Amino acid sequence: MDLSWQNEIAANWRNSESQGRLPHAVLLAGPPGVGKRAAAAWMVRRKLGLATGELPEYPFERPEHADLHWLEPPEDKTSILIDQVRALVAEMTLTSYEGRGKAAVIEPANAMTHSAANSLLKTLEEPPGDALLVLVADRTGRLPATILSRCQRIDIRVPSEREGLEWLDRLQPGAAWAEPLRVAGNAPIAAIAAAEQLETSHGLGRDLAAVASKSASPVDVAANWSKLDPQFVLEWLARQVQSGLKSVHGDRNSARDGAIGESVLRGMDSRNLFCYLDDINRLRGQPRGSYNVQLALEGLLIDWATGLVDAGRHRDRPLLAELDTG
């Protein structure tokens, strides 16, 4: 099914194609669940002359082609390593098998180690021949400025709530999509998974309220949360804090939809909420396995239990050194 909210991006891309002005390196940025990987697959399909529609589609299939290389962390790793990038760079310099040039997708690009990212710089600056390199990033904060400056950035927006609901209703008519879409921050593809995890989200909300009221131990709650997917937990928590910040600044809909009670928000300094959100986002940007999940969650929940009075003052407490194995 077409990703309708990417219509403008697709139209601009087709226009650049017709004028022979496609970029050699593109960074697709945006929150999880807006179809960045589908857009990457659509772009490289068009580059290599493979069949595709006018718009990126869901669900997307990763293209198979001799001139395409799709780079991601190895199965047993959390990062894209320097040897992988070096092999990609060498492959991109070879002659195209079918004469349409080479294409590569790196996703998530923010999973590249520092040394891997550095090894890509020359290729981004001086792409070999007729090549297209597409980087996909859920979070751009961990990408070096040198990478960002060498790519044409395309931000894929979150559609309006109405547009998202209309798309989801076409996907599965009659389903109750409103709450999953709100839980997913209005990202339609993320809402599909959120619909399956609603009860888990409700449980997280109850736990957060219990920690704030001191009827539950932050350490005990962190132990339970650490059994879940850490990215799911951190993304959920980030959305709650974002809703809280909007509520503090007068958005009544955010107060209604969020899991943080108004009485809790009234007892917190909004500046500390911003610091707290920064701590959460910093953890979200860390590769899996590079920090102790339970200790990180304990730190966040202890801060929550104390009304965020110390938020941001000990932000390195729960983290371990990032692993860079090549």
Protein backbone atom coordinates (compact mmCIF):
# COMPACT_ATOMS: atom_id res chain seq x y z
CA MET A 1 0.00 0.00 0.00
CA ASP A 2 1.31 3.44 -0.96
CA LEU A 3 2.80 5.63 1.78
CA SER A 4 0.67 8.65 0.94
CA TRP A 5 2.46 11.07 3.28
CA GLN A 6 5.64 10.62 1.21
CA ASN A 7 3.96 12.00 -1.92
CA GLU A 8 5.93 15.27 -1.96
CA ILE A 9 9.27 13.53 -1.37
CA ALA A 10 8.55 11.03 -4.16
CA ALA A 11 7.45 13.78 -6.56
CA ASN A 12 10.63 15.77 -5.91
CA TRP A 13 12.73 12.64 -6.45
CA ARG A 14 11.02 11.83 -9.75
CA ASN A 15 11.49 15.44 -10.85
CA SER A 16 15.22 15.26 -10.04
CA GLU A 17 15.41 12.00 -12.01
CA SER A 18 13.85 13.59 -15.07
CA GLN A 19 16.35 16.46 -14.91
CA GLY A 20 19.35 14.18 -14.31
CA ARG A 21 20.03 15.87 -10.98
CA LEU A 22 19.80 13.05 -8.48
CA PRO A 23 22.18 13.35 -5.52
CA HIS A 24 24.92 10.78 -5.02
CA ALA A 25 24.44 10.56 -1.25
CA VAL A 26 21.14 10.90 0.64
CA LEU A 27 20.34 10.82 4.35
CA LEU A 28 16.76 9.75 5.12
CA ALA A 29 15.90 11.02 8.59
CA GLY A 30 12.78 10.86 10.73
CA PRO A 31 11.25 9.05 13.69
CA PRO A 32 10.67 5.28 13.65
CA GLY A 33 7.59 4.18 11.78
CA VAL A 34 7.35 6.76 8.98
CA GLY A 35 8.69 4.51 6.20
CA LYS A 36 12.34 5.51 5.80
CA ARG A 37 13.42 2.02 4.80
CA ALA A 38 10.55 1.74 2.33
CA ALA A 39 11.69 5.06 0.82
CA ALA A 40 15.29 3.80 0.60
CA ALA A 41 14.16 0.62 -1.16
CA TRP A 42 12.03 2.69 -3.58
CA MET A 43 14.93 5.01 -4.42
CA VAL A 44 17.43 2.26 -5.15
CA ARG A 45 14.83 0.31 -7.14
CA ARG A 46 14.36 3.31 -9.41
CA LYS A 47 18.10 3.80 -9.65
CA LEU A 48 18.64 0.21 -10.79
CA GLY A 49 15.65 0.02 -13.13
CA LEU A 50 13.66 -2.40 -10.98
CA ALA A 51 9.86 -2.39 -11.04
CA THR A 52 8.32 0.02 -8.56
CA GLY A 53 5.28 2.24 -8.12
CA GLU A 54 4.98 6.01 -8.03
CA LEU A 55 5.32 5.98 -4.22
CA PRO A 56 7.15 3.90 -1.61
CA GLU A 57 4.99 1.07 -0.36
CA TYR A 58 4.23 -0.87 2.81
CA PRO A 59 5.21 -3.56 3.46
CA PHE A 60 8.48 -3.04 1.63
CA GLU A 61 10.67 -5.80 0.27
CA ARG A 62 14.41 -5.40 0.23
CA PRO A 63 15.46 -5.44 -3.45
CA GLU A 64 17.82 -8.11 -4.74
CA HIS A 65 20.23 -6.93 -7.43
CA ALA A 66 23.89 -7.53 -8.31
CA ASP A 67 24.63 -3.79 -8.15
CA LEU A 68 22.87 -3.22 -4.80
CA HIS A 69 24.42 -3.61 -1.36
CA TRP A 70 22.31 -3.31 1.79
CA LEU A 71 24.50 -2.78 4.84
CA GLU A 72 23.29 -3.39 8.40
CA PRO A 73 24.81 -4.67 11.65
CA PRO A 74 25.88 -8.33 11.54
CA GLU A 75 23.45 -10.73 13.16
CA ASP A 76 25.50 -11.04 16.34
CA LYS A 77 26.50 -7.36 16.57
CA THR A 78 24.87 -4.06 17.46
CA SER A 79 27.05 -1.85 15.24
CA ILE A 80 28.07 -1.55 11.61
CA LEU A 81 31.81 -2.17 11.65
CA ILE A 82 34.71 -0.67 9.75
CA ASP A 83 35.44 -3.87 7.81
CA GLN A 84 31.88 -3.86 6.47
CA VAL A 85 32.18 -0.26 5.29
CA ARG A 86 35.61 -0.87 3.75
CA ALA A 87 34.21 -3.83 1.80
CA LEU A 88 31.29 -1.67 0.63
CA VAL A 89 33.60 1.15 -0.47
CA ALA A 90 35.72 -1.31 -2.47
CA GLU A 91 32.64 -2.81 -4.09
CA MET A 92 31.27 0.59 -5.09
CA THR A 93 34.41 1.28 -7.16
CA LEU A 94 33.87 -1.79 -9.36
CA THR A 95 32.14 -1.66 -12.74
CA SER A 96 28.37 -1.95 -12.68
CA TYR A 97 27.11 -5.38 -13.71
CA GLU A 98 24.12 -4.01 -15.64
CA GLY A 99 25.40 -0.58 -16.59
CA ARG A 100 23.06 1.52 -14.43
CA GLY A 101 25.63 2.26 -11.74
CA LYS A 102 25.91 1.05 -8.18
CA ALA A 103 23.55 1.58 -5.23
CA ALA A 104 23.91 1.00 -1.51
CA VAL A 105 21.74 1.41 1.59
CA ILE A 106 23.25 1.74 5.07
CA GLU A 107 20.74 1.25 7.84
CA PRO A 108 20.65 2.31 10.49
CA ALA A 109 23.48 4.68 9.63
CA ASN A 110 23.61 5.80 13.26
CA ALA A 111 24.77 2.26 14.11
CA MET A 112 28.13 2.80 12.37
CA THR A 113 31.06 2.88 14.74
CA HIS A 114 33.14 6.04 14.71
CA SER A 115 35.87 4.39 12.68
CA ALA A 116 33.34 2.92 10.23
CA ALA A 117 31.80 6.36 9.67
CA ASN A 118 35.24 7.87 9.08
CA SER A 119 36.04 5.23 6.47
CA LEU A 120 32.96 6.30 4.50
CA LEU A 121 33.85 9.99 4.28
CA LYS A 122 35.95 9.95 1.11
CA THR A 123 33.30 7.94 -0.75
CA LEU A 124 30.63 10.45 0.28
CA GLU A 125 32.82 13.35 -0.80
CA GLU A 126 33.93 11.82 -4.10
CA PRO A 127 31.40 9.10 -5.03
CA PRO A 128 32.75 6.65 -7.60
CA GLY A 129 31.11 6.83 -11.02
CA ASP A 130 27.33 6.69 -11.24
CA ALA A 131 26.57 5.66 -7.64
CA LEU A 132 23.74 6.25 -5.19
CA LEU A 133 24.36 5.88 -1.46
CA VAL A 134 21.31 6.04 0.85
CA LEU A 135 21.81 6.38 4.61
CA VAL A 136 18.81 5.69 6.87
CA ALA A 137 18.81 7.12 10.40
CA ASP A 138 16.13 7.02 13.09
CA ARG A 139 18.31 9.39 15.11
CA THR A 140 20.87 11.69 13.52
CA GLY A 141 22.45 12.88 16.78
CA ARG A 142 25.06 10.12 16.75
CA LEU A 143 26.14 10.76 13.15
CA PRO A 144 29.34 12.83 12.80
CA ALA A 145 28.90 16.31 11.36
CA THR A 146 31.27 15.29 8.58
CA ILE A 147 28.76 12.63 7.45
CA LEU A 148 25.79 14.98 7.72
CA SER A 149 27.50 17.67 5.66
CA ARG A 150 28.21 15.29 2.77
CA CYS A 151 24.65 14.01 2.31
CA GLN A 152 21.50 15.60 0.98
CA ARG A 153 19.17 15.30 3.95
CA ILE A 154 15.55 14.33 3.37
CA ASP A 155 13.34 14.46 6.47
CA ILE A 156 10.34 12.15 6.31
CA ARG A 157 7.60 13.76 8.33
CA VAL A 158 5.04 12.24 10.63
CA PRO A 159 1.66 12.69 8.91
CA SER A 160 -1.25 14.41 10.61
CA GLU A 161 -3.40 12.30 12.90
CA ARG A 162 -6.21 12.37 10.35
CA GLU A 163 -3.95 11.28 7.49
CA GLY A 164 -2.46 8.51 9.62
CA LEU A 165 -5.87 7.21 10.67
CA GLU A 166 -7.12 7.24 7.07
CA TRP A 167 -4.07 5.25 5.94
CA LEU A 168 -4.40 2.71 8.76
CA ASP A 169 -8.12 2.31 8.10
CA ARG A 170 -7.36 1.46 4.47
CA LEU A 171 -4.79 -1.05 5.70
CA GLN A 172 -7.23 -2.71 8.12
CA PRO A 173 -10.73 -1.27 7.93
CA GLY A 174 -12.74 -1.10 11.13
CA ALA A 175 -9.83 -1.57 13.54
CA ALA A 176 -9.52 0.76 16.55
CA TRP A 177 -6.45 2.70 15.42
CA ALA A 178 -6.77 5.97 17.36
CA GLU A 179 -5.02 4.88 20.54
CA PRO A 180 -2.20 2.90 18.86
CA LEU A 181 -1.51 5.88 16.61
CA ARG A 182 -1.26 8.23 19.61
CA VAL A 183 1.00 5.73 21.41
CA ALA A 184 3.22 5.65 18.29
CA GLY A 185 3.53 9.42 18.17
CA ASN A 186 1.35 9.54 15.00
CA ALA A 187 3.83 7.38 13.03
CA PRO A 188 1.49 5.04 11.09
CA ILE A 189 3.82 2.08 10.57
CA ALA A 190 4.88 2.20 14.23
CA ALA A 191 1.17 2.20 15.14
CA ILE A 192 0.82 -1.28 13.65
CA ALA A 193 3.25 -2.67 16.24
CA ALA A 194 1.81 -0.40 18.94
CA ALA A 195 -1.62 -1.96 18.42
CA GLU A 196 -0.14 -5.31 19.42
CA GLN A 197 1.58 -3.78 22.47
CA LEU A 198 -1.20 -1.65 23.93
CA GLU A 199 -1.51 -3.65 27.13
CA THR A 200 2.26 -3.39 27.63
CA SER A 201 2.03 0.38 27.16
CA HIS A 202 -0.81 0.59 29.68
CA GLY A 203 1.30 -1.38 32.15
CA LEU A 204 4.22 1.02 31.69
CA GLY A 205 1.87 3.90 32.41
CA ARG A 206 0.64 2.30 35.60
CA ASP A 207 4.22 1.62 36.69
CA LEU A 208 5.29 5.21 36.01
CA ALA A 209 2.38 6.54 38.06
CA ALA A 210 3.23 4.14 40.90
CA VAL A 211 6.86 5.30 40.94
CA ALA A 212 5.76 8.95 41.05
CA SER A 213 3.40 8.25 43.96
CA LYS A 214 6.10 6.20 45.73
CA SER A 215 3.84 3.16 45.85
CA ALA A 216 6.37 1.18 43.80
CA SER A 217 10.14 0.89 44.00
CA PRO A 218 12.07 2.36 41.04
CA VAL A 219 14.52 -0.53 41.31
CA ASP A 220 11.75 -3.16 41.16
CA VAL A 221 10.04 -1.44 38.25
CA ALA A 222 13.37 -1.12 36.39
CA ALA A 223 13.94 -4.86 36.84
CA ASN A 224 10.57 -5.57 35.19
CA TRP A 225 11.08 -3.02 32.41
CA SER A 226 14.53 -4.42 31.61
CA LYS A 227 12.83 -7.64 30.44
CA LEU A 228 11.16 -5.70 27.61
CA ASP A 229 12.71 -4.36 24.41
CA PRO A 230 14.72 -1.35 25.67
CA GLN A 231 14.04 0.71 22.54
CA PHE A 232 10.30 0.20 22.97
CA VAL A 233 10.49 1.28 26.62
CA LEU A 234 12.67 4.33 25.93
CA GLU A 235 10.58 5.46 22.97
CA TRP A 236 7.41 5.10 25.06
CA LEU A 237 8.96 7.06 27.93
CA ALA A 238 10.21 9.79 25.57
CA ARG A 239 6.72 10.20 24.14
CA GLN A 240 5.24 10.55 27.63
CA VAL A 241 7.72 13.27 28.56
CA GLN A 242 7.11 15.05 25.25
CA SER A 243 3.36 14.94 25.94
CA GLY A 244 4.03 16.26 29.43
CA LEU A 245 6.05 19.18 28.07
CA LYS A 246 3.27 20.05 25.62
CA SER A 247 0.75 19.87 28.45
CA VAL A 248 2.86 22.19 30.60
CA HIS A 249 2.76 24.68 27.73
CA GLY A 250 -1.02 24.55 27.42
CA ASP A 251 -1.80 21.67 25.04
CA ARG A 252 -4.82 20.03 26.68
CA ASN A 253 -4.92 17.17 24.18
CA SER A 254 -1.43 16.12 25.26
CA ALA A 255 -2.52 16.10 28.89
CA ARG A 256 -5.45 13.87 27.99
CA ASP A 257 -3.44 11.42 25.86
CA GLY A 258 -0.30 11.12 28.00
CA ALA A 259 0.35 8.78 30.92
CA ILE A 260 1.72 11.52 33.20
CA GLY A 261 -0.88 12.99 35.53
CA GLU A 262 -1.27 16.77 35.79
CA SER A 263 -0.60 16.64 39.53
CA VAL A 264 2.79 15.03 38.83
CA LEU A 265 3.62 17.65 36.19
CA ARG A 266 2.75 20.50 38.53
CA GLY A 267 5.43 19.29 40.94
CA MET A 268 8.19 19.32 38.31
CA ASP A 269 10.27 22.13 36.85
CA SER A 270 9.78 22.08 33.05
CA ARG A 271 13.51 22.75 32.60
CA ASN A 272 14.19 19.46 34.38
CA LEU A 273 11.72 17.73 32.07
CA PHE A 274 13.83 18.91 29.13
CA CYS A 275 16.99 17.55 30.81
CA TYR A 276 15.21 14.28 31.49
CA LEU A 277 14.09 13.97 27.86
CA ASP A 278 17.69 14.62 26.80
CA ASP A 279 18.86 11.75 29.03
CA ILE A 280 16.26 9.42 27.50
CA ASN A 281 17.15 10.41 23.94
CA ARG A 282 20.83 9.94 24.62
CA LEU A 283 20.13 6.37 25.67
CA ARG A 284 17.92 5.85 22.63
CA GLY A 285 20.88 6.82 20.46
CA GLN A 286 23.21 4.25 22.02
CA PRO A 287 23.75 0.94 20.18
CA ARG A 288 22.26 -2.14 21.79
CA GLY A 289 24.70 -3.77 24.16
CA SER A 290 26.71 -0.61 24.78
CA TYR A 291 25.11 0.15 28.17
CA ASN A 292 23.57 -1.71 31.09
CA VAL A 293 19.82 -1.54 30.46
CA GLN A 294 18.67 -2.21 34.01
CA LEU A 295 21.05 0.33 35.54
CA ALA A 296 20.01 2.92 32.96
CA LEU A 297 16.32 2.36 33.71
CA GLU A 298 16.98 2.46 37.45
CA GLY A 299 18.64 5.86 37.04
CA LEU A 300 15.72 7.22 35.02
CA LEU A 301 13.09 5.90 37.41
CA ILE A 302 14.93 7.06 40.54
CA ASP A 303 15.02 10.53 39.01
CA TRP A 304 11.28 10.25 38.32
CA ALA A 305 10.56 9.19 41.89
CA THR A 306 12.37 12.26 43.22
CA GLY A 307 10.50 14.68 40.97
CA LEU A 308 13.50 15.16 38.61
CA VAL A 309 15.28 17.42 41.09
CA ASP A 310 18.61 15.91 40.01
CA ALA A 311 17.79 15.35 36.33
CA GLY A 312 20.80 15.93 34.09
CA ARG A 313 23.30 16.25 36.97
CA HIS A 314 24.52 12.67 36.80
CA ARG A 315 23.69 11.70 33.26
CA ASP A 316 26.73 9.41 32.88
CA ARG A 317 25.78 7.32 35.89
CA PRO A 318 23.94 4.53 34.08
CA LEU A 319 26.08 4.32 30.98
CA LEU A 320 28.97 2.09 30.11
CA ALA A 321 31.60 3.03 27.53
CA GLU A 322 30.36 2.61 23.99
CA LEU A 323 31.73 -0.46 22.28
CA ASP A 324 33.71 0.22 19.10
CA THR A 325 35.09 -3.09 17.87
CA GLY A 326 36.14 -1.98 14.49
